[in-house]
């Protein structure tokens, strides 16, 4: 029986980025993904003490997570 080998990873190594922290060594933002009562997914975003209400009517949890990640990146870039 043949063993399947994992494909070799090529390309450059990724640089590890440190998360954005404030002076108290706490993250500057937090994302919570939650399921609504209608079965759809939404995200709640807290950034620098401001909580943005639940956003979105996503069909899967992964879609809600990716949209929340993009929203967090946009907030961090607008400083």
PDB file of N, CA and C in Angstrom:
ATOM      1  N   UNK A   1       0.844  -1.166   0.000  1.00  0.00           N
ATOM      2  CA  UNK A   1       0.000   0.000   0.000  1.00  0.00           C
ATOM      3  C   UNK A   1       0.896   1.239   0.000  1.00  0.00           C
ATOM      4  N   UNK A   2       0.595   2.184  -0.874  1.00  0.00           N
ATOM      5  CA  UNK A   2       1.400   3.398  -0.973  1.00  0.00           C
ATOM      6  C   UNK A   2       0.962   4.419   0.063  1.00  0.00           C
ATOM      7  N   UNK A   3       1.952   5.095   0.610  1.00  0.00           N
ATOM      8  CA  UNK A   3       1.642   6.187   1.520  1.00  0.00           C
ATOM      9  C   UNK A   3       1.536   7.465   0.710  1.00  0.00           C
ATOM     10  N   UNK A   4       0.565   8.257   1.029  1.00  0.00           N
ATOM     11  CA  UNK A   4       0.418   9.539   0.365  1.00  0.00           C
ATOM     12  C   UNK A   4       1.239  10.569   1.120  1.00  0.00           C
ATOM     13  N   UNK A   5       2.064  11.266   0.395  1.00  0.00           N
ATOM     14  CA  UNK A   5       2.902  12.277   1.015  1.00  0.00           C
ATOM     15  C   UNK A   5       2.280  13.649   0.824  1.00  0.00           C
ATOM     16  N   UNK A   6       2.492  14.487   1.798  1.00  0.00           N
ATOM     17  CA  UNK A   6       2.004  15.860   1.691  1.00  0.00           C
ATOM     18  C   UNK A   6       2.829  16.590   0.641  1.00  0.00           C
ATOM     19  N   UNK A   7       2.218  17.457  -0.133  1.00  0.00           N
ATOM     20  CA  UNK A   7       2.969  18.184  -1.153  1.00  0.00           C
ATOM     21  C   UNK A   7       4.001  19.105  -0.509  1.00  0.00           C
ATOM     22  N   UNK A   8       5.097  19.263  -1.197  1.00  0.00           N
ATOM     23  CA  UNK A   8       6.151  20.138  -0.695  1.00  0.00           C
ATOM     24  C   UNK A   8       5.690  21.587  -0.779  1.00  0.00           C
ATOM     25  N   UNK A   9       6.031  22.339   0.234  1.00  0.00           N
ATOM     26  CA  UNK A   9       5.661  23.749   0.267  1.00  0.00           C
ATOM     27  C   UNK A   9       6.785  24.544  -0.358  1.00  0.00           C
ATOM     28  N   UNK A  10       6.459  25.323  -1.360  1.00  0.00           N
ATOM     29  CA  UNK A  10       7.482  26.129  -2.011  1.00  0.00           C
ATOM     30  C   UNK A  10       7.148  27.597  -1.838  1.00  0.00           C
ATOM     31  N   UNK A  11       8.091  28.428  -2.134  1.00  0.00           N
ATOM     32  CA  UNK A  11       7.873  29.866  -2.013  1.00  0.00           C
ATOM     33  C   UNK A  11       8.593  30.416  -0.801  1.00  0.00           C
ATOM     34  N   UNK A  12       8.337  31.666  -0.530  1.00  0.00           N
ATOM     35  CA  UNK A  12       9.013  32.306   0.587  1.00  0.00           C
ATOM     36  C   UNK A  12       8.272  32.038   1.881  1.00  0.00           C
ATOM     37  N   UNK A  13       9.004  32.092   2.954  1.00  0.00           N
ATOM     38  CA  UNK A  13       8.396  31.885   4.265  1.00  0.00           C
ATOM     39  C   UNK A  13       7.596  33.127   4.648  1.00  0.00           C
ATOM     40  N   UNK A  14       6.521  32.916   5.348  1.00  0.00           N
ATOM     41  CA  UNK A  14       5.699  34.038   5.788  1.00  0.00           C
ATOM     42  C   UNK A  14       6.333  34.695   7.008  1.00  0.00           C
ATOM     43  N   UNK A  15       6.234  35.993   7.042  1.00  0.00           N
ATOM     44  CA  UNK A  15       6.706  36.711   8.215  1.00  0.00           C
ATOM     45  C   UNK A  15       5.613  36.686   9.265  1.00  0.00           C
ATOM     46  N   UNK A  16       6.013  36.461  10.489  1.00  0.00           N
ATOM     47  CA  UNK A  16       5.013  36.482  11.549  1.00  0.00           C
ATOM     48  C   UNK A  16       4.793  37.925  11.973  1.00  0.00           C
ATOM     49  N   UNK A  17       3.538  38.315  12.015  1.00  0.00           N
ATOM     50  CA  UNK A  17       3.192  39.672  12.418  1.00  0.00           C
ATOM     51  C   UNK A  17       2.674  39.647  13.834  1.00  0.00           C
ATOM     52  N   UNK A  18       3.105  40.598  14.618  1.00  0.00           N
ATOM     53  CA  UNK A  18       2.599  40.707  15.975  1.00  0.00           C
ATOM     54  C   UNK A  18       1.232  41.381  15.921  1.00  0.00           C
ATOM     55  N   UNK A  19       0.300  40.924  16.751  1.00  0.00           N
ATOM     56  CA  UNK A  19      -1.011  41.562  16.748  1.00  0.00           C
ATOM     57  C   UNK A  19      -0.911  42.987  17.277  1.00  0.00           C
ATOM     58  N   UNK A  20      -1.806  43.841  16.822  1.00  0.00           N
ATOM     59  CA  UNK A  20      -1.811  45.223  17.278  1.00  0.00           C
ATOM     60  C   UNK A  20      -2.269  45.262  18.729  1.00  0.00           C
ATOM     61  N   UNK A  21      -1.429  45.772  19.596  1.00  0.00           N
ATOM     62  CA  UNK A  21      -1.739  45.836  21.017  1.00  0.00           C
ATOM     63  C   UNK A  21      -1.682  47.280  21.480  1.00  0.00           C
ATOM     64  N   UNK A  22      -2.505  47.603  22.481  1.00  0.00           N
ATOM     65  CA  UNK A  22      -2.432  48.940  23.042  1.00  0.00           C
ATOM     66  C   UNK A  22      -1.435  48.952  24.195  1.00  0.00           C
ATOM     67  N   UNK A  23      -1.381  50.039  24.931  1.00  0.00           N
ATOM     68  CA  UNK A  23      -0.369  50.187  25.971  1.00  0.00           C
ATOM     69  C   UNK A  23      -0.537  49.193  27.114  1.00  0.00           C
ATOM     70  N   UNK A  24      -1.717  48.651  27.305  1.00  0.00           N
ATOM     71  CA  UNK A  24      -1.956  47.665  28.361  1.00  0.00           C
ATOM     72  C   UNK A  24      -1.726  46.241  27.884  1.00  0.00           C
ATOM     73  N   UNK A  25      -1.138  46.072  26.708  1.00  0.00           N
ATOM     74  CA  UNK A  25      -0.906  44.760  26.097  1.00  0.00           C
ATOM     75  C   UNK A  25      -2.197  43.977  25.889  1.00  0.00           C
ATOM     76  N   UNK A  26      -3.242  44.683  25.546  1.00  0.00           N
ATOM     77  CA  UNK A  26      -4.510  44.056  25.191  1.00  0.00           C
ATOM     78  C   UNK A  26      -4.730  44.287  23.704  1.00  0.00           C
ATOM     79  N   UNK A  27      -5.404  43.381  23.028  1.00  0.00           N
ATOM     80  CA  UNK A  27      -5.679  43.607  21.606  1.00  0.00           C
ATOM     81  C   UNK A  27      -6.553  44.847  21.422  1.00  0.00           C
ATOM     82  N   UNK A  28      -6.323  45.563  20.340  1.00  0.00           N
ATOM     83  CA  UNK A  28      -7.102  46.774  20.097  1.00  0.00           C
ATOM     84  C   UNK A  28      -8.479  46.482  19.526  1.00  0.00           C
ATOM     85  N   UNK A  29      -8.726  45.256  19.100  1.00  0.00           N
ATOM     86  CA  UNK A  29     -10.026  44.902  18.552  1.00  0.00           C
ATOM     87  C   UNK A  29     -10.407  43.473  18.887  1.00  0.00           C
ATOM     88  N   UNK A  30     -11.696  43.212  18.806  1.00  0.00           N
ATOM     89  CA  UNK A  30     -12.208  41.872  19.098  1.00  0.00           C
ATOM     90  C   UNK A  30     -13.372  41.587  18.158  1.00  0.00           C
ATOM     91  N   UNK A  31     -13.417  40.367  17.656  1.00  0.00           N
ATOM     92  CA  UNK A  31     -14.477  39.944  16.746  1.00  0.00           C
ATOM     93  C   UNK A  31     -15.222  38.776  17.380  1.00  0.00           C
ATOM     94  N   UNK A  32     -16.542  38.876  17.396  1.00  0.00           N
ATOM     95  CA  UNK A  32     -17.383  37.771  17.861  1.00  0.00           C
ATOM     96  C   UNK A  32     -18.330  37.407  16.730  1.00  0.00           C
ATOM     97  N   UNK A  33     -18.357  36.145  16.380  1.00  0.00           N
ATOM     98  CA  UNK A  33     -19.272  35.654  15.350  1.00  0.00           C
ATOM     99  C   UNK A  33     -20.354  34.860  16.064  1.00  0.00           C
ATOM    100  N   UNK A  34     -21.608  35.181  15.765  1.00  0.00           N
ATOM    101  CA  UNK A  34     -22.707  34.526  16.469  1.00  0.00           C
ATOM    102  C   UNK A  34     -23.818  34.148  15.499  1.00  0.00           C
ATOM    103  N   UNK A  35     -24.553  33.135  15.898  1.00  0.00           N
ATOM    104  CA  UNK A  35     -25.670  32.666  15.080  1.00  0.00           C
ATOM    105  C   UNK A  35     -26.949  33.334  15.571  1.00  0.00           C
ATOM    106  N   UNK A  36     -27.702  33.893  14.648  1.00  0.00           N
ATOM    107  CA  UNK A  36     -28.955  34.556  14.990  1.00  0.00           C
ATOM    108  C   UNK A  36     -30.082  33.542  15.108  1.00  0.00           C
ATOM    109  N   UNK A  37     -31.215  34.012  15.596  1.00  0.00           N
ATOM    110  CA  UNK A  37     -32.350  33.110  15.791  1.00  0.00           C
ATOM    111  C   UNK A  37     -32.931  32.607  14.480  1.00  0.00           C
ATOM    112  N   UNK A  38     -32.708  33.338  13.385  1.00  0.00           N
ATOM    113  CA  UNK A  38     -33.232  32.903  12.088  1.00  0.00           C
ATOM    114  C   UNK A  38     -32.285  31.934  11.375  1.00  0.00           C
ATOM    115  N   UNK A  39     -31.184  31.543  12.040  1.00  0.00           N
ATOM    116  CA  UNK A  39     -30.254  30.583  11.460  1.00  0.00           C
ATOM    117  C   UNK A  39     -29.132  31.207  10.655  1.00  0.00           C
ATOM    118  N   UNK A  40     -29.131  32.515  10.518  1.00  0.00           N
ATOM    119  CA  UNK A  40     -28.079  33.210   9.779  1.00  0.00           C
ATOM    120  C   UNK A  40     -26.963  33.605  10.742  1.00  0.00           C
ATOM    121  N   UNK A  41     -25.806  33.958  10.181  1.00  0.00           N
ATOM    122  CA  UNK A  41     -24.634  34.317  10.974  1.00  0.00           C
ATOM    123  C   UNK A  41     -24.375  35.814  10.875  1.00  0.00           C
ATOM    124  N   UNK A  42     -23.888  36.395  11.976  1.00  0.00           N
ATOM    125  CA  UNK A  42     -23.548  37.816  12.021  1.00  0.00           C
ATOM    126  C   UNK A  42     -22.279  37.981  12.848  1.00  0.00           C
ATOM    127  N   UNK A  43     -21.654  39.153  12.745  1.00  0.00           N
ATOM    128  CA  UNK A  43     -20.485  39.416  13.575  1.00  0.00           C
ATOM    129  C   UNK A  43     -20.660  40.720  14.338  1.00  0.00           C
ATOM    130  N   UNK A  44     -20.074  40.754  15.534  1.00  0.00           N
ATOM    131  CA  UNK A  44     -20.037  41.949  16.366  1.00  0.00           C
ATOM    132  C   UNK A  44     -18.578  42.340  16.474  1.00  0.00           C
ATOM    133  N   UNK A  45     -18.288  43.595  16.205  1.00  0.00           N
ATOM    134  CA  UNK A  45     -16.919  44.077  16.157  1.00  0.00           C
ATOM    135  C   UNK A  45     -16.715  45.111  17.251  1.00  0.00           C
ATOM    136  N   UNK A  46     -15.697  44.908  18.093  1.00  0.00           N
ATOM    137  CA  UNK A  46     -15.300  45.895  19.098  1.00  0.00           C
ATOM    138  C   UNK A  46     -13.907  46.361  18.738  1.00  0.00           C
ATOM    139  N   UNK A  47     -13.745  47.672  18.586  1.00  0.00           N
ATOM    140  CA  UNK A  47     -12.446  48.212  18.198  1.00  0.00           C
ATOM    141  C   UNK A  47     -12.169  49.468  19.007  1.00  0.00           C
ATOM    142  N   UNK A  48     -11.115  49.427  19.793  1.00  0.00           N
ATOM    143  CA  UNK A  48     -10.680  50.557  20.622  1.00  0.00           C
ATOM    144  C   UNK A  48     -11.800  51.112  21.483  1.00  0.00           C
ATOM    145  N   UNK A  49     -12.526  50.239  22.131  1.00  0.00           N
ATOM    146  CA  UNK A  49     -13.569  50.660  23.051  1.00  0.00           C
ATOM    147  C   UNK A  49     -14.915  50.958  22.418  1.00  0.00           C
ATOM    148  N   UNK A  50     -15.006  50.905  21.102  1.00  0.00           N
ATOM    149  CA  UNK A  50     -16.272  51.154  20.412  1.00  0.00           C
ATOM    150  C   UNK A  50     -16.803  49.815  19.915  1.00  0.00           C
ATOM    151  N   UNK A  51     -18.045  49.498  20.292  1.00  0.00           N
ATOM    152  CA  UNK A  51     -18.666  48.251  19.854  1.00  0.00           C
ATOM    153  C   UNK A  51     -19.627  48.553  18.715  1.00  0.00           C
ATOM    154  N   UNK A  52     -19.378  47.920  17.595  1.00  0.00           N
ATOM    155  CA  UNK A  52     -20.243  48.071  16.429  1.00  0.00           C
ATOM    156  C   UNK A  52     -21.285  46.955  16.476  1.00  0.00           C
ATOM    157  N   UNK A  53     -22.558  47.263  16.241  1.00  0.00           N
ATOM    158  CA  UNK A  53     -23.610  46.249  16.392  1.00  0.00           C
ATOM    159  C   UNK A  53     -23.468  45.104  15.394  1.00  0.00           C
ATOM    160  N   UNK A  54     -24.252  44.071  15.636  1.00  0.00           N
ATOM    161  CA  UNK A  54     -24.210  42.882  14.783  1.00  0.00           C
ATOM    162  C   UNK A  54     -24.464  43.266  13.337  1.00  0.00           C
ATOM    163  N   UNK A  55     -23.591  42.795  12.471  1.00  0.00           N
ATOM    164  CA  UNK A  55     -23.667  43.118  11.051  1.00  0.00           C
ATOM    165  C   UNK A  55     -23.837  41.845  10.243  1.00  0.00           C
ATOM    166  N   UNK A  56     -24.643  41.911   9.215  1.00  0.00           N
ATOM    167  CA  UNK A  56     -24.691  40.855   8.224  1.00  0.00           C
ATOM    168  C   UNK A  56     -25.742  39.798   8.447  1.00  0.00           C
ATOM    169  N   UNK A  57     -26.079  39.164   7.370  1.00  0.00           N
ATOM    170  CA  UNK A  57     -26.988  38.016   7.326  1.00  0.00           C
ATOM    171  C   UNK A  57     -26.289  36.959   6.485  1.00  0.00           C
ATOM    172  N   UNK A  58     -25.223  36.384   7.018  1.00  0.00           N
ATOM    173  CA  UNK A  58     -24.395  35.457   6.261  1.00  0.00           C
ATOM    174  C   UNK A  58     -24.934  34.042   6.395  1.00  0.00           C
ATOM    175  N   UNK A  59     -24.811  33.278   5.320  1.00  0.00           N
ATOM    176  CA  UNK A  59     -25.353  31.918   5.322  1.00  0.00           C
ATOM    177  C   UNK A  59     -24.442  30.936   6.042  1.00  0.00           C
ATOM    178  N   UNK A  60     -23.142  31.215   6.097  1.00  0.00           N
ATOM    179  CA  UNK A  60     -22.215  30.313   6.786  1.00  0.00           C
ATOM    180  C   UNK A  60     -21.364  31.094   7.777  1.00  0.00           C
ATOM    181  N   UNK A  61     -20.834  30.368   8.736  1.00  0.00           N
ATOM    182  CA  UNK A  61     -19.971  30.973   9.740  1.00  0.00           C
ATOM    183  C   UNK A  61     -18.680  31.496   9.110  1.00  0.00           C
ATOM    184  N   UNK A  62     -18.174  30.780   8.132  1.00  0.00           N
ATOM    185  CA  UNK A  62     -16.935  31.186   7.470  1.00  0.00           C
ATOM    186  C   UNK A  62     -17.092  32.524   6.741  1.00  0.00           C
ATOM    187  N   UNK A  63     -18.230  32.732   6.100  1.00  0.00           N
ATOM    188  CA  UNK A  63     -18.477  34.013   5.432  1.00  0.00           C
ATOM    189  C   UNK A  63     -18.513  35.158   6.439  1.00  0.00           C
ATOM    190  N   UNK A  64     -19.137  34.927   7.588  1.00  0.00           N
ATOM    191  CA  UNK A  64     -19.199  35.963   8.624  1.00  0.00           C
ATOM    192  C   UNK A  64     -17.812  36.263   9.174  1.00  0.00           C
ATOM    193  N   UNK A  65     -16.998  35.223   9.375  1.00  0.00           N
ATOM    194  CA  UNK A  65     -15.643  35.421   9.884  1.00  0.00           C
ATOM    195  C   UNK A  65     -14.795  36.213   8.902  1.00  0.00           C
ATOM    196  N   UNK A  66     -14.889  35.881   7.634  1.00  0.00           N
ATOM    197  CA  UNK A  66     -14.069  36.579   6.644  1.00  0.00           C
ATOM    198  C   UNK A  66     -14.513  38.033   6.485  1.00  0.00           C
ATOM    199  N   UNK A  67     -15.803  38.303   6.537  1.00  0.00           N
ATOM    200  CA  UNK A  67     -16.283  39.684   6.447  1.00  0.00           C
ATOM    201  C   UNK A  67     -15.848  40.488   7.670  1.00  0.00           C
ATOM    202  N   UNK A  68     -15.867  39.869   8.833  1.00  0.00           N
ATOM    203  CA  UNK A  68     -15.416  40.549  10.051  1.00  0.00           C
ATOM    204  C   UNK A  68     -13.929  40.854   9.980  1.00  0.00           C
ATOM    205  N   UNK A  69     -13.158  39.940   9.438  1.00  0.00           N
ATOM    206  CA  UNK A  69     -11.715  40.151   9.295  1.00  0.00           C
ATOM    207  C   UNK A  69     -11.428  41.326   8.357  1.00  0.00           C
ATOM    208  N   UNK A  70     -12.149  41.408   7.263  1.00  0.00           N
ATOM    209  CA  UNK A  70     -11.971  42.513   6.320  1.00  0.00           C
ATOM    210  C   UNK A  70     -12.361  43.837   6.979  1.00  0.00           C
ATOM    211  N   UNK A  71     -13.456  43.842   7.733  1.00  0.00           N
ATOM    212  CA  UNK A  71     -13.886  45.064   8.419  1.00  0.00           C
ATOM    213  C   UNK A  71     -12.838  45.512   9.435  1.00  0.00           C
ATOM    214  N   UNK A  72     -12.234  44.564  10.153  1.00  0.00           N
ATOM    215  CA  UNK A  72     -11.200  44.903  11.132  1.00  0.00           C
ATOM    216  C   UNK A  72      -9.968  45.479  10.437  1.00  0.00           C
ATOM    217  N   UNK A  73      -9.584  44.903   9.311  1.00  0.00           N
ATOM    218  CA  UNK A  73      -8.430  45.424   8.570  1.00  0.00           C
ATOM    219  C   UNK A  73      -8.695  46.843   8.076  1.00  0.00           C
ATOM    220  N   UNK A  74      -9.913  47.113   7.615  1.00  0.00           N
ATOM    221  CA  UNK A  74     -10.250  48.461   7.158  1.00  0.00           C
ATOM    222  C   UNK A  74     -10.196  49.467   8.303  1.00  0.00           C
ATOM    223  N   UNK A  75     -10.664  49.069   9.481  1.00  0.00           N
ATOM    224  CA  UNK A  75     -10.592  49.965  10.632  1.00  0.00           C
ATOM    225  C   UNK A  75      -9.148  50.247  11.030  1.00  0.00           C
ATOM    226  N   UNK A  76      -8.307  49.246  10.985  1.00  0.00           N
ATOM    227  CA  UNK A  76      -6.902  49.433  11.362  1.00  0.00           C
ATOM    228  C   UNK A  76      -6.160  50.308  10.357  1.00  0.00           C
ATOM    229  N   UNK A  77      -6.545  50.271   9.100  1.00  0.00           N
ATOM    230  CA  UNK A  77      -5.863  51.059   8.075  1.00  0.00           C
ATOM    231  C   UNK A  77      -6.319  52.510   8.030  1.00  0.00           C
ATOM    232  N   UNK A  78      -7.404  52.858   8.702  1.00  0.00           N
ATOM    233  CA  UNK A  78      -7.919  54.224   8.643  1.00  0.00           C
ATOM    234  C   UNK A  78      -7.438  55.084   9.798  1.00  0.00           C
ATOM    235  N   UNK A  79      -6.456  54.651  10.528  1.00  0.00           N
ATOM    236  CA  UNK A  79      -5.957  55.437  11.660  1.00  0.00           C
ATOM    237  C   UNK A  79      -5.348  56.710  11.199  1.00  0.00           C
TER     238      UNK A  79
END
